[in-house]
Amino acid sequence: MQILEFDTVVIGSGLAGLSAAYHSSKYGRVAIVTKSQLDVSNSYYAQGGIAAAIADEDSPEQHARDTLITGRGICDNDAVEVLVNEGRERVKELIDLGMQFDKENGKYVLGLEGGHTKRRILHAGGDATGKELTCFKLRLIREKKNVEAFEYVVAVKLLKHNEAIVGLQAYDFKTNKNIIFKTKAIIIATGGLSRVFARSTNPHTATGDGIALAYDAGARLADLEFVQFHPSALNIPGKEAYLISEAVRGEGAWLLNSKGERFMKDIHPLAELAPRDVVAYSIFKQIQESDQDHIFLSLKHLDKQKIKNRFKNIDKQLKEFGFDLTEDQLPIAPAAHYMVGGICTNLDAETNISGLFVCGEAASTGVMGANRLASNSLLECLVFGKRASEKAAKLVASEHLLEKPEPITLDVNNEKVFLKYQNELAQIMSKKLGIVRNREDLESAFNRFSEIVSEFDNNQHEYNLIKIRNMSVISKLIAQSALVREESRGGHIREDFQQENPDFKTHIIQQKNKNIEFEPIRK
C-alpha cells in the first residue's frame, strides 16, 4: 500500500477539477486523481459555452436575474451574486492567459440559450467549448511542476481524524494496488450522476462517485431531487443519446411535434428558448400524446452555411448517424443531463467536514436552484474551483499518524454482478424517476433501492461491489428526496402535486444516519 503526501488532492479532471488544481498549485503540491483519462469528463463534451455578462448592453445584475428566475425560487442569492460577478472576472482572467473564444470582426460572438434574456454565451471552436476550455486548462496545468496526475486511479474512501480530512484511499487500475494520499485538503470535482439513468448525455464515468464518497464520510447533501433532463438529445433506437446543444435552438431551430406543429410558441413567451425544465416537460407531453418516442428538431428554415460553420462538430457527428443538420428533421427526446443538487457547500466551496471541498456539478453551492440556467455550469467550475483552492490553502496539516485502512481489491468475476445491478438501477431510475414522477413509482423505487443497499452495505472492500452500493445509495437518496418534495418545481415534476407549493421553497438536506432537514433559502 503506497503512501504519498500532497498539500491538496483534487478528485476529478473536468473543468472544476482542473481549475481547482491550477489555483491550488500556487500554494503547494497537488495531486489530480481521476478514474479515467484526464480529458474524459462532462466538461470536455460541453457544446454550448460559458455564460458571462461581458457585453456592453449586459450586466451581472441581469445575469443574476435570469439565473434566479430559472432556479424557480431555490437559488441562494449570495451564491448567485458570487457567480455572476466573479464569473466575469474568471472569464477575463482566462482570456488574459490566452484562451481563444470565437470572434467575428474582432468582437466576441455571443450566443443565446434557454432562460437568457441577453446574448452572453461565449463559445470556442463553434460547438466545442468544453473541449477547448479543458484542453487549455490542461496545457496550463502540465506546465506546473508541482501538479501530479494519477490517471485510471479511483477514489474509494475519504480518511478522517477528529471529523477532519487527513487523506484519501484510492485504487490504481493499472497496478492493482492501493494508494493512500496523505493530505490536509481534498477537493471533490467528480461531476454528476446522470449515468445512473438508462438514457443519458453523460460519459460512462458520471455515476455520482464523489457524491457517494462524501455522503459516506458524513457530508450534507442538498436538493438531489432536481435532475435536469436535456430537451434535445438525438433519439435513435439502439444508440447512445447524442446531445444536440441548446445553442442550436439559440440560433433559431424549431421543435416540431409528430404533426409537424411548432408547439412551444403556445406554451412559453420564449418558445424554444424557455428554461430547460419547461421545454423538457413539454416535449415529454408531446411524446405521450403521440405514437412515437420522439419529436423533431428542425433547422431547415435557417441559413445553411452559417449553421454548418457554427456547429461543425454536431454537423460532422450527425452525418455519421446518417442525418443532415440543415436538411433533416432530427428525432430527439429528453435525456438525463445534469445533477442540479449535490454536496452542500458554503460560498468557499467548503462542506461541513473540515478539509473537504466540492466544486462543479458534484456540488450544491446554491447557484443552480431547482433548474440550472444554461451555460452557468462551466462558469460555476471556474468560480468555485478557485474559491475552494484558496480556502484549502489556509488549512494547517494534521500531525495525526495516518492509519492504513483495509485494502480494496478488484475481482473480475464480480463485473457481471455489477452490470446486472447497474442495468436494473438504470431502468428503475428512468422509468420511475424520470421527467414526471408520482408517489407510487417513487415508493416502489425507494423500496427496491433500499433492498439493494442492504444487500451490499457490508461489501466495502471489493471495487465492483462498492460501485453497486454507491449507485444504489445515490438512487435511493434521489428517490427519498423526490418523495419528500410534494410539489412540482424546476427539474422535479410530480403528477400528484402539479403546482409549486410555497411551503417547499426550501433546500432538502440529507445526511448519513440523520433525519431529513429543511434549510431556508439564503436571501
Protein backbone atom coordinates (compact mmCIF):
# COMPACT_ATOMS: atom_id res chain seq x y z
CA MET A 1 0.00 0.00 0.00
CA GLN A 2 1.75 3.10 -1.31
CA ILE A 3 1.56 6.30 0.78
CA LEU A 4 2.02 9.65 -0.98
CA GLU A 5 1.84 13.12 0.53
CA PHE A 6 0.33 16.23 -1.09
CA ASP A 7 -0.91 19.58 0.15
CA THR A 8 -4.15 19.27 -1.87
CA VAL A 9 -5.77 16.30 -3.59
CA VAL A 10 -8.27 17.04 -6.36
CA ILE A 11 -10.62 14.20 -7.35
CA GLY A 12 -11.80 14.61 -10.94
CA SER A 13 -10.41 16.21 -14.08
CA GLY A 14 -13.29 18.18 -15.58
CA LEU A 15 -13.12 21.97 -15.70
CA ALA A 16 -13.88 22.27 -11.97
CA GLY A 17 -11.06 19.89 -11.03
CA LEU A 18 -8.59 21.43 -13.44
CA SER A 19 -9.45 24.93 -12.20
CA ALA A 20 -9.04 23.84 -8.59
CA ALA A 21 -5.73 22.14 -9.35
CA TYR A 22 -4.40 25.14 -11.30
CA HIS A 23 -5.12 27.60 -8.49
CA SER A 24 -4.01 25.12 -5.77
CA SER A 25 -0.63 24.80 -7.49
CA LYS A 26 0.19 28.33 -6.28
CA TYR A 27 0.16 27.08 -2.70
CA GLY A 28 1.84 23.65 -2.69
CA ARG A 29 1.96 20.15 -4.16
CA VAL A 30 -1.22 18.96 -5.87
CA ALA A 31 -2.45 15.51 -6.93
CA ILE A 32 -5.21 15.09 -9.53
CA VAL A 33 -6.91 11.71 -9.13
CA THR A 34 -9.15 10.60 -11.99
CA LYS A 35 -10.67 7.18 -12.64
CA SER A 36 -10.28 7.52 -16.40
CA GLN A 37 -8.09 9.78 -18.54
CA LEU A 38 -7.59 13.45 -17.77
CA ASP A 39 -9.71 14.52 -20.73
CA VAL A 40 -12.79 12.32 -20.06
CA SER A 41 -15.43 14.47 -18.36
CA ASN A 42 -18.78 16.19 -18.85
CA SER A 43 -16.86 19.47 -19.23
CA TYR A 44 -14.92 18.07 -22.17
CA TYR A 45 -18.12 17.26 -24.06
CA ALA A 46 -19.91 20.54 -23.27
CA GLN A 47 -21.02 22.01 -26.59
CA GLY A 48 -22.91 25.14 -25.58
CA GLY A 49 -20.45 27.51 -23.96
CA ILE A 50 -19.86 29.60 -20.88
CA ALA A 51 -22.20 32.37 -19.72
CA ALA A 52 -20.68 35.70 -18.69
CA ALA A 53 -22.03 39.26 -18.77
CA ILE A 54 -19.23 40.81 -20.80
CA ALA A 55 -21.32 42.66 -23.43
CA ASP A 56 -21.84 46.43 -23.04
CA GLU A 57 -25.63 46.02 -23.04
CA ASP A 58 -25.46 43.24 -20.42
CA SER A 59 -24.68 43.26 -16.70
CA PRO A 60 -24.08 40.85 -13.81
CA GLU A 61 -27.40 42.04 -12.36
CA GLN A 62 -29.28 40.90 -15.48
CA HIS A 63 -27.36 37.61 -15.48
CA ALA A 64 -28.31 37.13 -11.82
CA ARG A 65 -31.96 37.85 -12.55
CA ASP A 66 -32.08 35.23 -15.32
CA THR A 67 -30.37 32.70 -13.02
CA LEU A 68 -32.82 33.34 -10.18
CA ILE A 69 -35.89 33.14 -12.45
CA THR A 70 -34.72 29.86 -13.96
CA GLY A 71 -33.85 28.49 -10.49
CA ARG A 72 -37.53 28.78 -9.51
CA GLY A 73 -37.04 30.19 -6.02
CA ILE A 74 -34.44 27.68 -4.78
CA CYS A 75 -31.24 29.63 -5.64
CA ASP A 76 -29.30 31.19 -2.77
CA ASN A 77 -28.94 34.86 -3.69
CA ASP A 78 -25.47 35.32 -2.20
CA ALA A 79 -24.09 32.39 -4.22
CA VAL A 80 -25.65 33.74 -7.42
CA GLU A 81 -24.06 37.17 -6.75
CA VAL A 82 -20.67 35.50 -6.37
CA LEU A 83 -21.17 33.52 -9.59
CA VAL A 84 -22.18 36.37 -11.90
CA ASN A 85 -19.65 38.90 -10.57
CA GLU A 86 -16.59 36.71 -10.04
CA GLY A 87 -17.54 34.67 -13.11
CA ARG A 88 -16.98 37.63 -15.35
CA GLU A 89 -13.55 38.15 -13.74
CA ARG A 90 -12.62 34.46 -14.15
CA VAL A 91 -13.52 34.58 -17.85
CA LYS A 92 -11.42 37.73 -18.35
CA GLU A 93 -8.59 36.00 -16.48
CA LEU A 94 -8.80 33.07 -18.91
CA ILE A 95 -8.68 35.43 -21.89
CA ASP A 96 -5.62 37.17 -20.41
CA LEU A 97 -3.94 33.76 -20.07
CA GLY A 98 -4.52 33.14 -23.78
CA MET A 99 -7.85 31.31 -24.05
CA GLN A 100 -9.29 31.91 -27.53
CA PHE A 101 -13.06 32.34 -27.61
CA ASP A 102 -14.72 32.72 -31.01
CA LYS A 103 -14.66 36.18 -32.55
CA GLU A 104 -16.16 37.81 -35.63
CA ASN A 105 -14.79 41.12 -36.95
CA GLY A 106 -12.73 41.47 -33.78
CA LYS A 107 -15.70 41.06 -31.41
CA TYR A 108 -16.67 38.04 -29.34
CA VAL A 109 -19.53 36.03 -30.83
CA LEU A 110 -22.13 35.74 -28.06
CA GLY A 111 -24.76 33.01 -28.22
CA LEU A 112 -28.25 32.81 -26.76
CA GLU A 113 -29.64 29.83 -24.82
CA GLY A 114 -32.73 28.88 -22.84
CA GLY A 115 -33.63 31.23 -19.98
CA HIS A 116 -31.20 34.00 -21.00
CA THR A 117 -32.61 37.40 -21.93
CA LYS A 118 -29.30 38.59 -23.40
CA ARG A 119 -26.71 37.11 -25.73
CA ARG A 120 -23.95 36.24 -23.25
CA ILE A 121 -22.72 32.73 -24.13
CA LEU A 122 -19.05 32.68 -25.13
CA HIS A 123 -18.03 29.68 -27.19
CA ALA A 124 -14.82 28.28 -28.63
CA GLY A 125 -14.39 26.14 -31.71
CA GLY A 126 -18.06 26.72 -32.53
CA ASP A 127 -19.68 23.88 -30.59
CA ALA A 128 -16.55 22.53 -28.89
CA THR A 129 -16.27 24.95 -25.97
CA GLY A 130 -15.86 22.27 -23.31
CA LYS A 131 -13.09 20.54 -25.23
CA GLU A 132 -11.27 23.82 -25.96
CA LEU A 133 -11.56 25.02 -22.35
CA THR A 134 -10.47 21.77 -20.70
CA CYS A 135 -7.58 21.32 -23.13
CA PHE A 136 -6.50 24.91 -22.46
CA LYS A 137 -6.56 24.30 -18.69
CA LEU A 138 -4.71 21.00 -19.15
CA ARG A 139 -1.93 22.81 -21.00
CA LEU A 140 -1.62 25.30 -18.14
CA ILE A 141 -1.50 22.51 -15.58
CA ARG A 142 1.09 20.47 -17.47
CA GLU A 143 3.42 23.44 -17.14
CA LYS A 144 3.19 23.18 -13.34
CA LYS A 145 5.98 21.01 -11.91
CA ASN A 146 4.17 20.61 -8.58
CA VAL A 147 0.99 19.06 -10.03
CA GLU A 148 0.96 15.29 -10.50
CA ALA A 149 -1.83 13.47 -12.33
CA PHE A 150 -2.96 9.95 -11.41
CA GLU A 151 -4.99 8.56 -14.31
CA TYR A 152 -7.03 5.35 -14.00
CA VAL A 153 -6.95 5.76 -10.23
CA VAL A 154 -10.32 5.71 -8.46
CA ALA A 155 -11.06 7.37 -5.10
CA VAL A 156 -12.76 4.87 -2.78
CA LYS A 157 -12.70 6.32 0.75
CA LEU A 158 -12.18 9.66 2.48
CA LEU A 159 -9.95 9.28 5.54
CA LYS A 160 -10.78 11.41 8.59
CA HIS A 161 -9.46 12.09 12.08
CA ASN A 162 -11.50 14.10 14.60
CA GLU A 163 -14.02 14.90 11.83
CA ALA A 164 -11.32 16.49 9.65
CA ILE A 165 -9.83 15.20 6.39
CA VAL A 166 -6.41 13.58 6.68
CA GLY A 167 -6.26 11.54 3.49
CA LEU A 168 -7.78 9.56 0.65
CA GLN A 169 -7.73 5.86 -0.14
CA ALA A 170 -7.63 5.10 -3.85
CA TYR A 171 -7.24 2.09 -6.15
CA ASP A 172 -4.90 2.06 -9.16
CA PHE A 173 -6.42 0.10 -12.07
CA LYS A 174 -3.05 -0.14 -13.84
CA THR A 175 -1.05 -1.65 -10.96
CA ASN A 176 -3.97 -3.17 -8.99
CA LYS A 177 -2.54 -1.54 -5.87
CA ASN A 178 -3.98 0.75 -3.22
CA ILE A 179 -2.65 4.27 -2.86
CA ILE A 180 -3.05 6.36 0.28
CA PHE A 181 -2.86 10.10 -0.32
CA LYS A 182 -1.99 11.93 2.88
CA THR A 183 -3.33 15.49 2.66
CA LYS A 184 -4.94 18.34 4.58
CA ALA A 185 -7.44 19.17 1.85
CA ILE A 186 -9.49 17.20 -0.66
CA ILE A 187 -11.43 18.94 -3.43
CA ILE A 188 -14.13 16.74 -4.95
CA ALA A 189 -14.78 17.63 -8.59
CA THR A 190 -16.12 14.31 -9.83
CA GLY A 191 -19.02 15.68 -11.88
CA GLY A 192 -22.58 14.43 -11.93
CA LEU A 193 -24.55 11.22 -11.71
CA SER A 194 -26.75 11.13 -14.81
CA ARG A 195 -25.34 7.75 -15.82
CA VAL A 196 -27.50 6.18 -13.12
CA PHE A 197 -30.27 6.69 -15.70
CA ALA A 198 -30.63 4.39 -18.72
CA ARG A 199 -30.67 7.28 -21.19
CA SER A 200 -28.11 9.99 -20.54
CA THR A 201 -25.95 12.52 -22.37
CA ASN A 202 -23.07 11.92 -19.93
CA PRO A 203 -19.88 9.84 -20.33
CA HIS A 204 -19.92 6.45 -18.58
CA THR A 205 -17.81 7.82 -15.73
CA ALA A 206 -20.64 10.10 -14.44
CA THR A 207 -22.10 7.77 -11.81
CA GLY A 208 -22.08 10.01 -8.74
CA ASP A 209 -18.92 8.55 -7.19
CA GLY A 210 -17.91 11.77 -5.46
CA ILE A 211 -21.36 12.36 -4.03
CA ALA A 212 -21.48 8.82 -2.60
CA LEU A 213 -17.94 9.23 -1.25
CA ALA A 214 -18.84 12.46 0.56
CA TYR A 215 -22.17 11.11 1.87
CA ASP A 216 -20.42 8.03 3.29
CA ALA A 217 -17.99 10.34 5.15
CA GLY A 218 -20.86 12.33 6.69
CA ALA A 219 -21.15 15.29 4.30
CA ARG A 220 -24.50 17.02 3.88
CA LEU A 221 -26.28 16.70 0.52
CA ALA A 222 -28.85 19.15 -0.85
CA ASP A 223 -31.64 19.09 -3.44
CA LEU A 224 -30.92 15.70 -5.05
CA GLU A 225 -34.47 15.51 -6.41
CA PHE A 226 -33.62 18.14 -9.03
CA VAL A 227 -32.18 16.34 -12.05
CA GLN A 228 -32.09 18.26 -15.31
CA PHE A 229 -33.07 16.47 -18.49
CA HIS A 230 -31.62 17.99 -21.63
CA PRO A 231 -34.51 18.56 -24.06
CA SER A 232 -32.68 17.85 -27.31
CA ALA A 233 -30.78 14.56 -27.35
CA LEU A 234 -30.79 12.58 -30.60
CA ASN A 235 -33.05 9.55 -30.26
CA ILE A 236 -32.02 6.57 -32.41
CA PRO A 237 -33.02 3.02 -31.35
CA GLY A 238 -30.03 1.08 -30.05
CA LYS A 239 -27.73 4.13 -29.97
CA GLU A 240 -26.45 6.28 -27.12
CA ALA A 241 -28.19 9.62 -26.61
CA TYR A 242 -26.22 12.25 -28.53
CA LEU A 243 -26.55 15.78 -27.20
CA ILE A 244 -27.58 18.49 -29.66
CA SER A 245 -26.60 21.75 -28.00
CA GLU A 246 -29.19 24.21 -26.76
CA ALA A 247 -27.20 26.78 -28.72
CA VAL A 248 -28.78 25.26 -31.84
CA ARG A 249 -32.16 26.48 -30.58
CA GLY A 250 -30.46 29.74 -29.66
CA GLU A 251 -29.73 30.23 -33.36
CA GLY A 252 -33.40 29.69 -34.25
CA ALA A 253 -34.05 25.92 -34.51
CA TRP A 254 -37.67 24.82 -34.07
CA LEU A 255 -39.22 22.00 -32.07
CA LEU A 256 -41.92 20.18 -34.05
CA ASN A 257 -44.36 17.53 -32.82
CA SER A 258 -45.43 14.42 -34.75
CA LYS A 259 -47.94 16.55 -36.71
CA GLY A 260 -45.21 18.99 -37.75
CA GLU A 261 -46.54 21.71 -35.43
CA ARG A 262 -44.27 24.18 -33.63
CA PHE A 263 -45.84 23.70 -30.18
CA MET A 264 -43.57 25.76 -27.86
CA LYS A 265 -44.95 29.08 -29.13
CA ASP A 266 -48.21 28.42 -27.28
CA ILE A 267 -46.53 27.27 -24.06
CA HIS A 268 -43.96 29.95 -23.15
CA PRO A 269 -43.15 33.50 -24.34
CA LEU A 270 -39.56 32.41 -25.04
CA ALA A 271 -40.85 29.44 -27.12
CA GLU A 272 -37.96 27.04 -27.86
CA LEU A 273 -35.72 29.11 -25.55
CA ALA A 274 -37.82 28.63 -22.43
CA PRO A 275 -35.91 27.23 -19.41
CA ARG A 276 -34.94 23.57 -19.79
CA ASP A 277 -37.46 22.20 -17.30
CA VAL A 278 -40.30 23.76 -19.29
CA VAL A 279 -39.02 22.56 -22.67
CA ALA A 280 -38.21 19.01 -21.49
CA TYR A 281 -41.62 18.60 -19.84
CA SER A 282 -43.41 20.00 -22.92
CA ILE A 283 -41.57 17.53 -25.17
CA PHE A 284 -42.43 14.70 -22.76
CA LYS A 285 -46.12 15.58 -23.01
CA GLN A 286 -45.97 15.75 -26.82
CA ILE A 287 -44.38 12.28 -26.91
CA GLN A 288 -47.08 10.93 -24.55
CA GLU A 289 -49.79 12.22 -26.86
CA SER A 290 -48.25 10.68 -29.99
CA ASP A 291 -47.44 7.13 -31.09
CA GLN A 292 -43.72 7.95 -31.35
CA ASP A 293 -40.88 8.03 -28.80
CA HIS A 294 -39.54 11.36 -30.08
CA ILE A 295 -40.36 14.75 -31.54
CA PHE A 296 -38.30 16.64 -34.14
CA LEU A 297 -35.72 19.41 -34.19
CA SER A 298 -35.71 21.36 -37.46
CA LEU A 299 -33.19 23.86 -38.85
CA LYS A 300 -34.42 23.70 -42.45
CA HIS A 301 -35.58 27.34 -42.35
CA LEU A 302 -32.17 28.71 -41.27
CA ASP A 303 -29.09 29.86 -43.20
CA LYS A 304 -27.44 26.54 -44.03
CA GLN A 305 -23.85 27.74 -44.37
CA LYS A 306 -24.00 29.80 -41.19
CA ILE A 307 -25.35 26.82 -39.23
CA LYS A 308 -22.75 24.39 -40.61
CA ASN A 309 -19.94 26.84 -39.75
CA ARG A 310 -21.28 27.46 -36.24
CA PHE A 311 -21.89 23.78 -35.39
CA LYS A 312 -19.12 21.93 -37.21
CA ASN A 313 -18.78 19.11 -34.69
CA ILE A 314 -22.51 18.47 -34.37
CA ASP A 315 -22.82 18.54 -38.17
CA LYS A 316 -19.99 16.01 -38.51
CA GLN A 317 -21.40 13.70 -35.82
CA LEU A 318 -24.92 13.78 -37.27
CA LYS A 319 -23.55 12.79 -40.69
CA GLU A 320 -22.11 9.67 -39.04
CA PHE A 321 -25.63 8.91 -37.77
CA GLY A 322 -26.99 9.43 -41.29
CA PHE A 323 -28.56 12.88 -40.77
CA ASP A 324 -28.01 16.29 -42.32
CA LEU A 325 -28.15 19.04 -39.69
CA THR A 326 -29.71 21.60 -42.02
CA GLU A 327 -31.92 19.38 -44.20
CA ASP A 328 -33.42 16.66 -42.00
CA GLN A 329 -35.93 16.69 -39.22
CA LEU A 330 -33.86 15.32 -36.32
CA PRO A 331 -35.58 12.83 -33.97
CA ILE A 332 -34.97 13.98 -30.39
CA ALA A 333 -36.15 13.19 -26.86
CA PRO A 334 -35.02 14.40 -23.43
CA ALA A 335 -32.17 12.58 -21.67
CA ALA A 336 -30.75 12.82 -18.14
CA HIS A 337 -28.10 15.50 -18.33
CA TYR A 338 -27.19 17.41 -15.16
CA MET A 339 -27.31 16.90 -11.38
CA VAL A 340 -28.69 20.21 -10.12
CA GLY A 341 -28.29 19.38 -6.42
CA GLY A 342 -25.23 17.76 -4.85
CA ILE A 343 -22.85 18.00 -1.89
CA CYS A 344 -23.77 21.02 0.21
CA THR A 345 -21.14 23.79 0.41
CA ASN A 346 -20.73 27.33 1.66
CA LEU A 347 -19.51 30.22 -0.52
CA ASP A 348 -15.93 28.94 -0.27
CA ALA A 349 -16.96 25.52 -1.66
CA GLU A 350 -16.36 24.03 1.81
CA THR A 351 -18.51 21.23 3.23
CA ASN A 352 -19.47 20.53 6.85
CA ILE A 353 -16.33 18.32 7.06
CA SER A 354 -13.16 20.29 7.70
CA GLY A 355 -10.77 19.97 4.77
CA LEU A 356 -13.39 18.66 2.34
CA PHE A 357 -14.32 20.95 -0.56
CA VAL A 358 -16.52 20.44 -3.62
CA CYS A 359 -16.86 22.32 -6.90
CA GLY A 360 -18.55 21.78 -10.24
CA GLU A 361 -21.54 19.53 -10.86
CA ALA A 362 -20.95 17.40 -7.75
CA ALA A 363 -21.53 20.48 -5.57
CA SER A 364 -24.65 22.21 -4.37
CA THR A 365 -23.28 25.74 -3.99
CA GLY A 366 -26.72 27.36 -4.01
CA VAL A 367 -26.31 28.67 -7.56
CA MET A 368 -28.45 26.26 -9.58
CA GLY A 369 -31.72 26.26 -7.60
CA ALA A 370 -34.38 23.89 -8.93
CA ASN A 371 -33.20 24.18 -12.53
CA ARG A 372 -29.79 25.20 -13.92
CA LEU A 373 -29.61 28.17 -16.25
CA ALA A 374 -27.94 27.01 -19.47
CA SER A 375 -24.15 27.53 -19.66
CA ASN A 376 -23.82 28.52 -16.00
CA SER A 377 -22.16 25.18 -15.24
CA LEU A 378 -18.72 25.89 -16.75
CA LEU A 379 -18.80 29.29 -15.06
CA GLU A 380 -19.53 27.68 -11.69
CA CYS A 381 -16.49 25.41 -12.22
CA LEU A 382 -14.18 28.40 -12.67
CA VAL A 383 -15.57 30.47 -9.79
CA PHE A 384 -15.83 27.84 -7.08
CA GLY A 385 -12.76 25.89 -8.20
CA LYS A 386 -10.70 28.99 -7.40
CA ARG A 387 -12.54 29.66 -4.14
CA ALA A 388 -12.03 26.06 -2.98
CA SER A 389 -8.29 26.16 -3.66
CA GLU A 390 -7.80 29.47 -1.82
CA LYS A 391 -9.66 28.33 1.30
CA ALA A 392 -7.92 24.92 1.23
CA ALA A 393 -4.53 26.65 1.16
CA LYS A 394 -5.23 28.26 4.56
CA LEU A 395 -5.65 24.91 6.32
CA VAL A 396 -2.90 23.55 8.57
CA ALA A 397 -1.85 19.93 8.06
CA SER A 398 -2.71 17.48 10.84
CA GLU A 399 0.12 15.83 12.74
CA HIS A 400 -2.05 12.73 13.08
CA LEU A 401 -0.33 9.48 12.15
CA LEU A 402 -2.33 8.08 9.21
CA GLU A 403 -3.72 4.62 9.91
CA LYS A 404 -3.75 2.23 6.98
CA PRO A 405 -7.29 1.16 6.06
CA GLU A 406 -8.28 -2.29 4.80
CA PRO A 407 -7.09 -2.63 1.18
CA ILE A 408 -9.52 -2.50 -1.74
CA THR A 409 -9.44 -5.41 -4.20
CA LEU A 410 -10.77 -5.90 -7.72
CA ASP A 411 -12.35 -9.26 -8.60
CA VAL A 412 -13.17 -9.52 -12.32
CA ASN A 413 -15.71 -12.24 -11.50
CA ASN A 414 -17.88 -9.54 -9.92
CA GLU A 415 -18.05 -7.42 -13.09
CA LYS A 416 -21.10 -9.35 -14.35
CA VAL A 417 -22.77 -8.85 -10.97
CA PHE A 418 -22.14 -5.11 -11.20
CA LEU A 419 -23.52 -4.88 -14.75
CA LYS A 420 -26.66 -6.78 -13.74
CA TYR A 421 -27.41 -4.38 -10.89
CA GLN A 422 -26.32 -1.32 -12.84
CA ASN A 423 -28.85 -2.16 -15.57
CA GLU A 424 -31.62 -2.74 -13.04
CA LEU A 425 -30.91 0.55 -11.25
CA ALA A 426 -30.78 2.46 -14.55
CA GLN A 427 -34.08 1.02 -15.76
CA ILE A 428 -35.85 1.87 -12.48
CA MET A 429 -34.37 5.38 -12.44
CA SER A 430 -35.52 6.08 -16.00
CA LYS A 431 -38.95 4.53 -15.57
CA LYS A 432 -39.84 5.82 -12.10
CA LEU A 433 -37.65 8.89 -11.53
CA GLY A 434 -37.68 10.43 -15.00
CA ILE A 435 -39.17 13.76 -16.04
CA VAL A 436 -42.57 13.05 -14.42
CA ARG A 437 -42.93 11.27 -11.07
CA ASN A 438 -45.64 10.06 -8.67
CA ARG A 439 -45.80 8.65 -5.16
CA GLU A 440 -46.49 5.06 -6.18
CA ASP A 441 -43.48 4.88 -8.51
CA LEU A 442 -41.21 6.73 -6.08
CA GLU A 443 -42.10 4.44 -3.17
CA SER A 444 -41.61 1.34 -5.32
CA ALA A 445 -38.20 2.62 -6.49
CA PHE A 446 -37.17 3.67 -2.97
CA ASN A 447 -38.04 0.22 -1.55
CA ARG A 448 -36.08 -1.64 -4.25
CA PHE A 449 -33.07 0.67 -3.89
CA SER A 450 -33.18 0.12 -0.11
CA GLU A 451 -33.07 -3.66 -0.65
CA ILE A 452 -30.01 -3.38 -2.88
CA VAL A 453 -28.27 -1.03 -0.41
CA SER A 454 -28.89 -3.55 2.40
CA GLU A 455 -27.60 -6.41 0.25
CA PHE A 456 -24.28 -4.69 -0.50
CA ASP A 457 -23.77 -2.41 2.50
CA ASN A 458 -21.21 -4.71 4.10
CA ASN A 459 -19.25 -5.32 0.89
CA GLN A 460 -16.82 -2.46 1.32
CA HIS A 461 -13.55 -3.96 0.08
CA GLU A 462 -14.21 -5.21 -3.48
CA TYR A 463 -14.49 -2.43 -6.04
CA ASN A 464 -17.35 -3.79 -8.18
CA LEU A 465 -19.48 -4.38 -5.10
CA ILE A 466 -18.61 -0.92 -3.74
CA LYS A 467 -19.86 0.52 -7.06
CA ILE A 468 -23.18 -1.30 -6.71
CA ARG A 469 -23.59 0.02 -3.17
CA ASN A 470 -22.68 3.59 -4.16
CA MET A 471 -25.04 3.69 -7.15
CA SER A 472 -27.90 2.20 -5.13
CA VAL A 473 -27.28 4.67 -2.29
CA ILE A 474 -27.36 7.59 -4.74
CA SER A 475 -30.53 6.28 -6.40
CA LYS A 476 -32.20 5.76 -3.00
CA LEU A 477 -31.32 9.31 -1.90
CA ILE A 478 -32.80 10.81 -5.08
CA ALA A 479 -35.99 8.78 -4.62
CA GLN A 480 -36.24 9.77 -0.95
CA SER A 481 -35.79 13.46 -1.66
CA ALA A 482 -38.29 13.29 -4.55
CA LEU A 483 -40.84 11.66 -2.23
CA VAL A 484 -40.44 14.39 0.37
CA ARG A 485 -40.88 17.26 -2.11
CA GLU A 486 -44.65 17.16 -2.61
CA GLU A 487 -44.83 19.76 -5.37
CA SER A 488 -43.69 20.37 -8.95
CA ARG A 489 -40.78 22.80 -9.28
CA GLY A 490 -37.98 23.07 -11.83
CA GLY A 491 -36.46 19.69 -12.65
CA HIS A 492 -38.81 17.86 -10.27
CA ILE A 493 -42.34 17.28 -11.58
CA ARG A 494 -44.96 15.31 -9.63
CA GLU A 495 -48.16 14.12 -11.32
CA ASP A 496 -49.83 14.02 -7.91
CA PHE A 497 -48.65 17.52 -6.86
CA GLN A 498 -48.72 19.54 -10.05
CA GLN A 499 -48.24 23.06 -8.63
CA GLU A 500 -45.43 24.85 -6.83
CA ASN A 501 -46.03 24.90 -3.09
CA PRO A 502 -44.55 27.90 -1.19
CA ASP A 503 -44.03 25.62 1.84
CA PHE A 504 -41.36 23.82 -0.21
CA LYS A 505 -39.39 26.94 -1.09
CA THR A 506 -36.54 25.36 0.85
CA HIS A 507 -33.50 23.12 0.46
CA ILE A 508 -33.95 19.44 1.34
CA ILE A 509 -30.85 18.26 3.23
CA GLN A 510 -29.80 14.62 3.56
CA GLN A 511 -27.01 13.31 5.79
CA LYS A 512 -25.97 9.77 6.68
CA ASN A 513 -27.71 8.38 9.80
CA LYS A 514 -29.73 11.58 10.23
CA ASN A 515 -33.29 12.60 9.50
CA ILE A 516 -34.05 14.82 6.52
CA GLU A 517 -33.78 18.53 7.30
CA PHE A 518 -35.19 21.63 5.61
CA GLU A 519 -32.87 24.60 5.22
CA PRO A 520 -34.09 28.11 4.30
CA ILE A 521 -33.03 29.74 1.04
CA ARG A 522 -30.32 32.34 1.65
CA LYS A 523 -31.60 35.77 0.59
